[in-house]
C-alpha atoms as a PDB file:
ATOM      1  CA  UNK A   1      10.239  16.847   3.910  1.00  0.00           C
ATOM      2  CA  UNK A   2       6.583  14.973   2.261  1.00  0.00           C
ATOM      3  CA  UNK A   3       6.878  11.508   3.758  1.00  0.00           C
ATOM      4  CA  UNK A   4       5.600   8.178   1.661  1.00  0.00           C
ATOM      5  CA  UNK A   5       4.321   4.961   4.330  1.00  0.00           C
ATOM      6  CA  UNK A   6       4.486   1.977   2.828  1.00  0.00           C
ATOM      7  CA  UNK A   7       2.634  -0.578   4.879  1.00  0.00           C
ATOM      8  CA  UNK A   8       2.964  -4.405   3.704  1.00  0.00           C
ATOM      9  CA  UNK A   9       2.273  -7.764   4.703  1.00  0.00           C
ATOM     10  CA  UNK A  10       4.980 -10.014   2.204  1.00  0.00           C
ATOM     11  CA  UNK A  11       4.954 -13.383   2.988  1.00  0.00           C
ATOM     12  CA  UNK A  12       6.172 -15.113  -0.382  1.00  0.00           C
ATOM     13  CA  UNK A  13       8.730 -14.461  -3.114  1.00  0.00           C
ATOM     14  CA  UNK A  14       5.682 -13.160  -5.164  1.00  0.00           C
ATOM     15  CA  UNK A  15       4.589 -10.543  -2.493  1.00  0.00           C
ATOM     16  CA  UNK A  16       8.263  -9.440  -2.126  1.00  0.00           C
ATOM     17  CA  UNK A  17       9.064  -8.888  -5.642  1.00  0.00           C
ATOM     18  CA  UNK A  18       6.247  -6.790  -5.783  1.00  0.00           C
ATOM     19  CA  UNK A  19       7.136  -4.684  -2.370  1.00  0.00           C
ATOM     20  CA  UNK A  20      10.693  -4.100  -4.135  1.00  0.00           C
ATOM     21  CA  UNK A  21       9.373  -2.753  -7.341  1.00  0.00           C
ATOM     22  CA  UNK A  22       6.929  -0.595  -5.204  1.00  0.00           C
ATOM     23  CA  UNK A  23      10.379   0.539  -2.935  1.00  0.00           C
ATOM     24  CA  UNK A  24      11.990   1.150  -5.969  1.00  0.00           C
ATOM     25  CA  UNK A  25       9.739   3.339  -7.701  1.00  0.00           C
ATOM     26  CA  UNK A  26       9.066   5.381  -4.275  1.00  0.00           C
ATOM     27  CA  UNK A  27      12.406   5.897  -3.905  1.00  0.00           C
ATOM     28  CA  UNK A  28      13.024   6.778  -7.669  1.00  0.00           C
ATOM     29  CA  UNK A  29      16.057   9.489  -7.817  1.00  0.00           C
ATOM     30  CA  UNK A  30      13.762  11.996  -9.353  1.00  0.00           C
ATOM     31  CA  UNK A  31      11.935  11.579  -6.712  1.00  0.00           C
ATOM     32  CA  UNK A  32      14.518  12.410  -4.155  1.00  0.00           C
ATOM     33  CA  UNK A  33      12.643  15.129  -1.905  1.00  0.00           C
ATOM     34  CA  UNK A  34       9.992  12.443  -0.123  1.00  0.00           C
ATOM     35  CA  UNK A  35      11.191  10.228   2.839  1.00  0.00           C
ATOM     36  CA  UNK A  36       9.932   6.630   2.182  1.00  0.00           C
ATOM     37  CA  UNK A  37       9.367   4.191   5.483  1.00  0.00           C
ATOM     38  CA  UNK A  38       8.244   0.787   5.121  1.00  0.00           C
ATOM     39  CA  UNK A  39       6.578  -1.074   7.764  1.00  0.00           C
ATOM     40  CA  UNK A  40       5.441  -4.877   8.352  1.00  0.00           C
ATOM     41  CA  UNK A  41       1.752  -4.638   8.739  1.00  0.00           C
ATOM     42  CA  UNK A  42       2.136  -5.882  12.455  1.00  0.00           C
ATOM     43  CA  UNK A  43       4.106  -3.228  13.086  1.00  0.00           C
ATOM     44  CA  UNK A  44       2.668  -0.288  11.977  1.00  0.00           C
ATOM     45  CA  UNK A  45       1.038   2.396  13.993  1.00  0.00           C
ATOM     46  CA  UNK A  46      -1.475   4.700  13.944  1.00  0.00           C
ATOM     47  CA  UNK A  47       1.830   7.557  14.536  1.00  0.00           C
ATOM     48  CA  UNK A  48       2.827   6.153  11.476  1.00  0.00           C
ATOM     49  CA  UNK A  49      -0.295   6.849   9.754  1.00  0.00           C
ATOM     50  CA  UNK A  50      -0.423  10.556  11.291  1.00  0.00           C
ATOM     51  CA  UNK A  51       3.034  11.100  10.197  1.00  0.00           C
ATOM     52  CA  UNK A  52       2.651  10.656   6.728  1.00  0.00           C
ATOM     53  CA  UNK A  53       1.472  12.598   3.884  1.00  0.00           C
ATOM     54  CA  UNK A  54       0.601   9.821   1.434  1.00  0.00           C
ATOM     55  CA  UNK A  55       0.402   5.375   1.749  1.00  0.00           C
ATOM     56  CA  UNK A  56       1.024   2.485   0.049  1.00  0.00           C
ATOM     57  CA  UNK A  57      -0.319  -0.678   1.332  1.00  0.00           C
ATOM     58  CA  UNK A  58       0.746  -4.137  -0.072  1.00  0.00           C
ATOM     59  CA  UNK A  59      -1.577  -7.417   0.890  1.00  0.00           C
ATOM     60  CA  UNK A  60      -1.671 -11.109  -0.271  1.00  0.00           C
ATOM     61  CA  UNK A  61      -5.017 -12.442  -1.068  1.00  0.00           C
ATOM     62  CA  UNK A  62      -5.429 -15.426   2.160  1.00  0.00           C
ATOM     63  CA  UNK A  63      -9.048 -17.290   1.601  1.00  0.00           C
ATOM     64  CA  UNK A  64     -10.370 -14.556  -0.490  1.00  0.00           C
ATOM     65  CA  UNK A  65      -9.767 -11.549   2.036  1.00  0.00           C
ATOM     66  CA  UNK A  66      -6.869  -9.397   2.615  1.00  0.00           C
ATOM     67  CA  UNK A  67      -4.051 -10.519   5.122  1.00  0.00           C
ATOM     68  CA  UNK A  68      -4.715 -10.951   8.751  1.00  0.00           C
ATOM     69  CA  UNK A  69      -1.565  -8.854   9.278  1.00  0.00           C
ATOM     70  CA  UNK A  70      -3.382  -5.756   7.161  1.00  0.00           C
ATOM     71  CA  UNK A  71      -6.244  -6.325   8.838  1.00  0.00           C
ATOM     72  CA  UNK A  72      -4.906  -6.137  12.049  1.00  0.00           C
ATOM     73  CA  UNK A  73      -3.284  -2.695  10.881  1.00  0.00           C
ATOM     74  CA  UNK A  74      -6.751  -1.055   9.399  1.00  0.00           C
ATOM     75  CA  UNK A  75      -8.009  -2.156  12.885  1.00  0.00           C
ATOM     76  CA  UNK A  76      -4.979  -0.565  14.974  1.00  0.00           C
ATOM     77  CA  UNK A  77      -5.255   2.736  12.925  1.00  0.00           C
ATOM     78  CA  UNK A  78      -9.019   2.887  12.255  1.00  0.00           C
ATOM     79  CA  UNK A  79     -10.183   5.580  15.066  1.00  0.00           C
ATOM     80  CA  UNK A  80      -6.921   7.281  15.985  1.00  0.00           C
ATOM     81  CA  UNK A  81      -6.499   8.014  11.964  1.00  0.00           C
ATOM     82  CA  UNK A  82      -9.976   8.325  10.857  1.00  0.00           C
ATOM     83  CA  UNK A  83     -10.877  12.318  11.037  1.00  0.00           C
ATOM     84  CA  UNK A  84      -6.757  13.464  10.489  1.00  0.00           C
ATOM     85  CA  UNK A  85      -6.035  11.238   7.639  1.00  0.00           C
ATOM     86  CA  UNK A  86      -9.398  12.142   5.222  1.00  0.00           C
ATOM     87  CA  UNK A  87      -8.229  12.716   1.896  1.00  0.00           C
ATOM     88  CA  UNK A  88      -4.980  10.944   2.460  1.00  0.00           C
ATOM     89  CA  UNK A  89      -3.596  10.350  -0.804  1.00  0.00           C
ATOM     90  CA  UNK A  90      -2.586   5.914  -1.240  1.00  0.00           C
ATOM     91  CA  UNK A  91      -2.440   3.543  -3.329  1.00  0.00           C
ATOM     92  CA  UNK A  92      -2.443   0.077  -3.254  1.00  0.00           C
ATOM     93  CA  UNK A  93      -1.144  -3.771  -4.512  1.00  0.00           C
ATOM     94  CA  UNK A  94      -2.427  -7.222  -3.827  1.00  0.00           C
ATOM     95  CA  UNK A  95      -0.858 -10.560  -4.605  1.00  0.00           C
ATOM     96  CA  UNK A  96      -2.983 -13.869  -4.801  1.00  0.00           C
ATOM     97  CA  UNK A  97      -2.588 -17.226  -6.298  1.00  0.00           C
ATOM     98  CA  UNK A  98      -6.553 -16.901  -7.127  1.00  0.00           C
ATOM     99  CA  UNK A  99      -9.845 -14.987  -5.800  1.00  0.00           C
ATOM    100  CA  UNK A 100      -8.069 -11.571  -5.087  1.00  0.00           C
ATOM    101  CA  UNK A 101     -11.632 -10.064  -5.591  1.00  0.00           C
ATOM    102  CA  UNK A 102     -11.950 -10.458  -1.389  1.00  0.00           C
ATOM    103  CA  UNK A 103      -8.907  -8.816  -0.796  1.00  0.00           C
ATOM    104  CA  UNK A 104      -9.886  -5.860  -3.095  1.00  0.00           C
ATOM    105  CA  UNK A 105     -13.142  -5.236  -1.797  1.00  0.00           C
ATOM    106  CA  UNK A 106     -11.923  -5.235   1.497  1.00  0.00           C
ATOM    107  CA  UNK A 107      -8.983  -2.854   1.098  1.00  0.00           C
ATOM    108  CA  UNK A 108     -11.399  -0.478  -1.064  1.00  0.00           C
ATOM    109  CA  UNK A 109     -14.473  -0.811   1.391  1.00  0.00           C
ATOM    110  CA  UNK A 110     -11.673   0.001   4.632  1.00  0.00           C
ATOM    111  CA  UNK A 111     -10.201   3.010   2.939  1.00  0.00           C
ATOM    112  CA  UNK A 112     -13.563   4.407   1.694  1.00  0.00           C
ATOM    113  CA  UNK A 113     -14.691   4.051   4.935  1.00  0.00           C
ATOM    114  CA  UNK A 114     -11.629   6.144   6.317  1.00  0.00           C
ATOM    115  CA  UNK A 115     -12.042   8.800   3.476  1.00  0.00           C
ATOM    116  CA  UNK A 116      -8.740   8.013   1.988  1.00  0.00           C
ATOM    117  CA  UNK A 117      -7.822   9.021  -1.724  1.00  0.00           C
ATOM    118  CA  UNK A 118      -6.973   6.870  -4.237  1.00  0.00           C
ATOM    119  CA  UNK A 119      -4.338   8.283  -6.740  1.00  0.00           C
ATOM    120  CA  UNK A 120      -3.023   5.616  -8.617  1.00  0.00           C
ATOM    121  CA  UNK A 121      -4.748   2.114 -10.344  1.00  0.00           C
ATOM    122  CA  UNK A 122      -4.459  -0.676  -7.677  1.00  0.00           C
ATOM    123  CA  UNK A 123      -1.863  -3.429  -8.323  1.00  0.00           C
ATOM    124  CA  UNK A 124      -3.761  -6.612  -8.695  1.00  0.00           C
ATOM    125  CA  UNK A 125      -1.690 -10.143  -9.694  1.00  0.00           C
ATOM    126  CA  UNK A 126      -2.871 -13.592  -9.585  1.00  0.00           C
ATOM    127  CA  UNK A 127      -0.330 -16.220 -10.049  1.00  0.00           C
ATOM    128  CA  UNK A 128       3.447 -15.572 -10.500  1.00  0.00           C
ATOM    129  CA  UNK A 129       4.204 -11.546 -11.008  1.00  0.00           C
ATOM    130  CA  UNK A 130       5.616 -11.170 -14.716  1.00  0.00           C
ATOM    131  CA  UNK A 131       7.866  -8.184 -16.393  1.00  0.00           C
ATOM    132  CA  UNK A 132       4.459  -5.653 -17.078  1.00  0.00           C
ATOM    133  CA  UNK A 133       3.042  -6.177 -13.466  1.00  0.00           C
ATOM    134  CA  UNK A 134       6.254  -5.767 -11.908  1.00  0.00           C
ATOM    135  CA  UNK A 135       6.460  -2.439 -13.710  1.00  0.00           C
ATOM    136  CA  UNK A 136       3.332  -1.667 -12.684  1.00  0.00           C
ATOM    137  CA  UNK A 137       4.191  -1.968  -8.764  1.00  0.00           C
ATOM    138  CA  UNK A 138       7.041   0.222  -9.823  1.00  0.00           C
ATOM    139  CA  UNK A 139       4.656   2.746 -11.356  1.00  0.00           C
ATOM    140  CA  UNK A 140       2.633   2.560  -8.357  1.00  0.00           C
ATOM    141  CA  UNK A 141       5.426   3.596  -5.894  1.00  0.00           C
ATOM    142  CA  UNK A 142       6.191   6.255  -8.216  1.00  0.00           C
ATOM    143  CA  UNK A 143       3.225   7.752  -8.548  1.00  0.00           C
ATOM    144  CA  UNK A 144       2.349   7.804  -5.143  1.00  0.00           C
ATOM    145  CA  UNK A 145       5.611   9.309  -3.971  1.00  0.00           C
ATOM    146  CA  UNK A 146       5.179  12.223  -6.624  1.00  0.00           C
ATOM    147  CA  UNK A 147       1.677  13.158  -5.402  1.00  0.00           C
ATOM    148  CA  UNK A 148       2.658  13.309  -1.971  1.00  0.00           C
ATOM    149  CA  UNK A 149       6.237  15.464  -3.247  1.00  0.00           C
ATOM    150  CA  UNK A 150       3.425  17.487  -4.944  1.00  0.00           C
END
């Protein structure tokens, strides 16, 4: 059964809302053939990534950059997964109260270096997520899951 890995750092209520929407989309009953595994960024491992057929990343924008937790995840998995996961389908979401550009640039840079293939538009939210943005998170989870399902 195909596996979707969701790696997230969820320290705030806004990030929790976005994470839950991604999980709801990935767990849509129409996508019942996909196993969804969620891991906090500080506990996700290279084995998790190597066992996944797709990945969704979630991070707050902290001081103009992705969270230290997601950076730690990338530091941990980069070399063990570099060649084995080329073309891995992925998507991501970012939340910040201001200045999300650095976090977006960092995620794009690292996933580009890993040669992962973005299959859904990034969801980038500044301030409190509104209904449309929450639905975009749901669609993100569903889209990446659908790609994994084939």
